[in-house]
Amino acid sequence: MYEPCIHFLLSSVVVQTPTDCKHGFILDGFPRTIQQAIGLQELLRQRKERVTLVVALEVPDSVLEARICGRWMHKRTGRSYHVTGKPPKSMKLGADQKPIPDTMLDDWTGEKLYQREDDTPRRLKVRLENYHRSTQPIINLFKSVVAPINGNQGIPALLNEVEAVADTYLRNGAKNPLLGWISRGERTKMYLEWKQQRRREEEQKQQKNTASKL
């Protein structure tokens, strides 16, 4: 069954505000089930549109286990840490080379960190089994527009690969049944606006890093 609440929210944004989404829109982590995917297709048909690109990040289950099961959170602020990628300054390892829970403290407040109940190997195994069972049918449904991307790499390399897919998509364009072919000039304008936004984000990030060092 397609969730009525999600359908209502998407319908409110996509169908009832066509001007905001006239060049398309991006969904992050959705749809997660084949029922949601079919519901999305029906919703897009109301606008005489379709899904034109699916970016699929591919990461081995073993890597996901290391990433997820090493995650610790600060409950009050939501700050996240990782035992290998971003450990708290207070972390100490036991004889088994695993972090000692009492030493996992937030860098800013000194308050104890916690692990989500789902972030354990046993729970993760079930989550991954459900994910593969639910996701593969979606990939098959949209296989003609799926762009697989290696998610098991550093952030700069991953970002470059995603940008390359976006670059190709914006440069080549896609058939939009409602608007017709987006003109080359319009695609170029969209591409340049996107690149400018990326440049502004990078500049703001650099400024923030510089300010934090002063």
Protein backbone atom coordinates (compact mmCIF):
# COMPACT_ATOMS: atom_id res chain seq x y z
CA MET A 1 0.00 0.00 0.00
CA TYR A 2 1.26 3.48 -0.87
CA GLU A 3 1.40 5.61 2.27
CA PRO A 4 -1.36 8.30 2.08
CA CYS A 5 0.64 10.80 4.16
CA ILE A 6 3.67 10.66 1.86
CA HIS A 7 1.44 10.84 -1.20
CA PHE A 8 -0.29 13.91 0.20
CA LEU A 9 2.98 15.70 0.94
CA LEU A 10 4.44 14.96 -2.49
CA SER A 11 1.20 15.93 -4.18
CA SER A 12 1.11 19.22 -2.28
CA VAL A 13 4.61 20.17 -3.41
CA VAL A 14 4.81 18.66 -6.89
CA VAL A 15 1.31 18.84 -8.29
CA GLN A 16 -0.11 21.89 -6.54
CA THR A 17 3.01 24.08 -6.95
CA PRO A 18 4.05 23.31 -10.56
CA THR A 19 6.05 26.54 -10.92
CA ASP A 20 8.46 25.59 -8.11
CA CYS A 21 9.13 22.21 -9.73
CA LYS A 22 8.93 23.22 -13.39
CA HIS A 23 12.50 22.03 -14.04
CA GLY A 24 12.11 18.90 -11.92
CA PHE A 25 12.94 18.01 -8.33
CA ILE A 26 15.18 15.69 -6.31
CA LEU A 27 14.06 13.07 -3.78
CA ASP A 28 16.66 11.88 -1.27
CA GLY A 29 16.22 8.31 -0.02
CA PHE A 30 12.79 7.95 -1.58
CA PRO A 31 11.13 5.76 -2.75
CA ARG A 32 12.24 2.96 -0.41
CA THR A 33 9.71 0.31 -1.44
CA ILE A 34 8.23 -0.81 -4.74
CA GLN A 35 4.81 0.39 -3.54
CA GLN A 36 6.20 3.89 -2.99
CA ALA A 37 7.89 3.79 -6.42
CA ILE A 38 4.65 2.84 -8.16
CA GLY A 39 2.81 5.56 -6.23
CA LEU A 40 5.42 8.09 -7.30
CA GLN A 41 5.00 7.07 -10.94
CA GLU A 42 1.25 7.59 -10.68
CA LEU A 43 1.78 10.99 -9.12
CA LEU A 44 4.16 12.07 -11.89
CA ARG A 45 1.73 10.91 -14.54
CA GLN A 46 -0.63 13.61 -13.31
CA ARG A 47 1.98 16.09 -14.55
CA LYS A 48 2.68 14.00 -17.66
CA GLU A 49 6.19 13.42 -16.34
CA ARG A 50 8.37 10.51 -15.27
CA VAL A 51 11.49 9.68 -13.25
CA THR A 52 14.45 10.69 -15.43
CA LEU A 53 17.48 9.90 -13.23
CA VAL A 54 18.20 7.60 -10.29
CA VAL A 55 21.56 7.97 -8.54
CA ALA A 56 22.31 4.70 -6.75
CA LEU A 57 25.17 4.77 -4.23
CA GLU A 58 26.66 1.28 -4.01
CA VAL A 59 28.53 0.24 -0.84
CA PRO A 60 29.44 -3.33 0.25
CA ASP A 61 27.52 -4.57 3.29
CA SER A 62 30.78 -5.15 5.18
CA VAL A 63 31.73 -1.50 4.75
CA LEU A 64 28.27 -0.36 5.84
CA GLU A 65 28.59 -2.44 9.00
CA ALA A 66 31.90 -0.78 9.88
CA ARG A 67 30.44 2.67 9.19
CA ILE A 68 27.13 2.27 10.98
CA CYS A 69 28.17 0.14 13.95
CA GLY A 70 31.00 2.54 14.72
CA ARG A 71 28.65 5.50 15.02
CA TRP A 72 28.01 7.24 18.35
CA MET A 73 25.60 10.13 18.93
CA HIS A 74 25.16 13.03 21.33
CA LYS A 75 21.51 12.82 22.32
CA ARG A 76 20.81 16.48 23.06
CA THR A 77 22.36 18.02 19.94
CA GLY A 78 22.47 15.14 17.47
CA ARG A 79 26.23 15.51 16.98
CA SER A 80 27.68 12.32 15.57
CA TYR A 81 31.04 10.64 16.04
CA HIS A 82 32.70 7.55 14.62
CA VAL A 83 35.24 5.31 16.29
CA THR A 84 37.56 5.43 13.26
CA GLY A 85 36.42 8.36 11.15
CA LYS A 86 35.70 10.98 13.81
CA PRO A 87 36.33 9.68 17.34
CA PRO A 88 35.64 11.87 20.38
CA LYS A 89 38.81 13.19 22.03
CA SER A 90 38.00 11.22 25.19
CA MET A 91 37.76 7.81 23.50
CA LYS A 92 39.84 4.97 24.91
CA LEU A 93 40.00 1.42 23.59
CA GLY A 94 39.73 -1.73 25.65
CA ALA A 95 41.75 -4.93 25.33
CA ASP A 96 39.41 -6.03 22.51
CA GLN A 97 40.22 -2.80 20.61
CA LYS A 98 36.64 -1.64 20.99
CA PRO A 99 35.78 1.73 22.57
CA ILE A 100 35.12 1.74 26.30
CA PRO A 101 31.56 3.14 26.62
CA ASP A 102 32.33 5.32 29.66
CA THR A 103 35.05 7.12 27.68
CA MET A 104 32.74 8.06 24.82
CA LEU A 105 32.01 11.69 25.69
CA ASP A 106 30.90 14.68 23.63
CA ASP A 107 33.84 16.98 22.80
CA TRP A 108 31.86 20.13 23.63
CA THR A 109 29.77 19.25 26.69
CA GLY A 110 31.53 16.21 28.15
CA GLU A 111 28.17 14.44 28.22
CA LYS A 112 27.94 10.73 27.48
CA LEU A 113 27.44 9.57 23.92
CA TYR A 114 25.13 6.70 22.98
CA GLN A 115 24.64 4.21 20.16
CA ARG A 116 21.26 3.79 18.51
CA GLU A 117 19.63 0.41 19.11
CA ASP A 118 19.64 -0.21 15.35
CA ASP A 119 23.39 0.43 15.08
CA THR A 120 24.41 -3.08 16.12
CA PRO A 121 25.62 -5.93 13.87
CA ARG A 122 22.56 -8.06 14.65
CA ARG A 123 20.04 -5.29 13.95
CA LEU A 124 22.00 -4.07 10.94
CA LYS A 125 21.91 -7.52 9.32
CA VAL A 126 18.11 -7.47 9.42
CA ARG A 127 18.02 -3.88 8.14
CA LEU A 128 20.29 -4.72 5.21
CA GLU A 129 18.28 -7.81 4.30
CA ASN A 130 15.11 -5.71 4.27
CA TYR A 131 16.87 -2.98 2.31
CA HIS A 132 18.07 -5.31 -0.44
CA ARG A 133 14.71 -7.05 -0.62
CA SER A 134 12.90 -3.70 -0.96
CA THR A 135 15.42 -1.80 -3.06
CA GLN A 136 16.34 -4.22 -5.85
CA PRO A 137 12.81 -4.18 -7.33
CA ILE A 138 13.01 -0.37 -7.44
CA ILE A 139 16.36 -0.49 -9.27
CA ASN A 140 14.83 -2.95 -11.74
CA LEU A 141 11.78 -0.71 -12.23
CA PHE A 142 13.93 2.33 -13.09
CA LYS A 143 16.89 0.44 -14.61
CA SER A 144 16.86 2.49 -17.82
CA VAL A 145 17.69 5.67 -15.87
CA VAL A 146 19.83 4.29 -13.02
CA ALA A 147 23.34 5.76 -12.58
CA PRO A 148 25.32 3.48 -10.22
CA ILE A 149 28.00 5.28 -8.21
CA ASN A 150 30.76 3.82 -6.04
CA GLY A 151 29.89 4.90 -2.52
CA ASN A 152 32.94 3.18 -1.06
CA GLN A 153 35.39 6.04 -1.62
CA GLY A 154 36.42 9.32 -0.05
CA ILE A 155 34.01 12.24 -0.03
CA PRO A 156 35.94 14.31 -2.64
CA ALA A 157 36.00 11.39 -5.11
CA LEU A 158 32.36 10.56 -4.41
CA LEU A 159 31.35 14.19 -4.91
CA ASN A 160 33.26 14.32 -8.20
CA GLU A 161 31.46 11.22 -9.46
CA VAL A 162 28.04 12.59 -8.48
CA GLU A 163 28.90 15.92 -10.11
CA ALA A 164 29.93 14.10 -13.29
CA VAL A 165 26.53 12.39 -13.43
CA ALA A 166 24.74 15.70 -12.80
CA ASP A 167 26.94 17.41 -15.37
CA THR A 168 26.09 14.83 -18.04
CA TYR A 169 22.41 14.96 -17.18
CA LEU A 170 22.19 18.76 -17.30
CA ARG A 171 24.28 19.07 -20.44
CA ASN A 172 22.44 16.39 -22.39
CA GLY A 173 19.02 17.13 -21.00
CA ALA A 174 16.12 14.73 -20.74
CA LYS A 175 12.79 14.49 -22.46
CA ASN A 176 10.21 16.25 -20.29
CA PRO A 177 6.75 15.26 -21.61
CA LEU A 178 5.14 18.33 -20.04
CA LEU A 179 7.66 20.98 -21.12
CA GLY A 180 9.05 19.24 -24.19
CA TRP A 181 12.79 19.20 -24.73
CA ILE A 182 14.50 21.68 -22.43
CA SER A 183 16.37 24.00 -24.76
CA ARG A 184 20.17 23.93 -24.88
CA GLY A 185 20.26 27.53 -23.63
CA GLU A 186 18.02 26.68 -20.69
CA ARG A 187 20.10 23.60 -19.84
CA THR A 188 23.27 25.70 -19.94
CA LYS A 189 21.67 28.29 -17.67
CA MET A 190 20.63 25.57 -15.20
CA TYR A 191 24.10 24.04 -15.30
CA LEU A 192 25.87 27.36 -14.69
CA GLU A 193 23.51 28.23 -11.83
CA TRP A 194 24.23 24.86 -10.26
CA LYS A 195 28.00 25.30 -10.64
CA GLN A 196 27.81 28.81 -9.14
CA GLN A 197 25.88 27.45 -6.17
CA ARG A 198 28.52 24.76 -5.68
CA ARG A 199 31.26 27.41 -5.83
CA ARG A 200 29.47 29.58 -3.25
CA GLU A 201 29.09 26.59 -0.93
CA GLU A 202 32.81 25.80 -1.22
CA GLU A 203 33.75 29.43 -0.51
CA GLN A 204 31.48 29.53 2.54
CA LYS A 205 32.99 26.27 3.76
CA GLN A 206 36.53 27.64 3.35
CA GLN A 207 35.61 30.87 5.13
CA LYS A 208 34.10 28.89 7.99
CA ASN A 209 37.22 26.71 8.28
CA THR A 210 39.46 29.79 8.24
CA ALA A 211 37.38 31.52 10.90
CA SER A 212 37.48 28.46 13.16
CA LYS A 213 41.30 28.49 13.05
CA LEU A 214 41.57 32.15 14.15
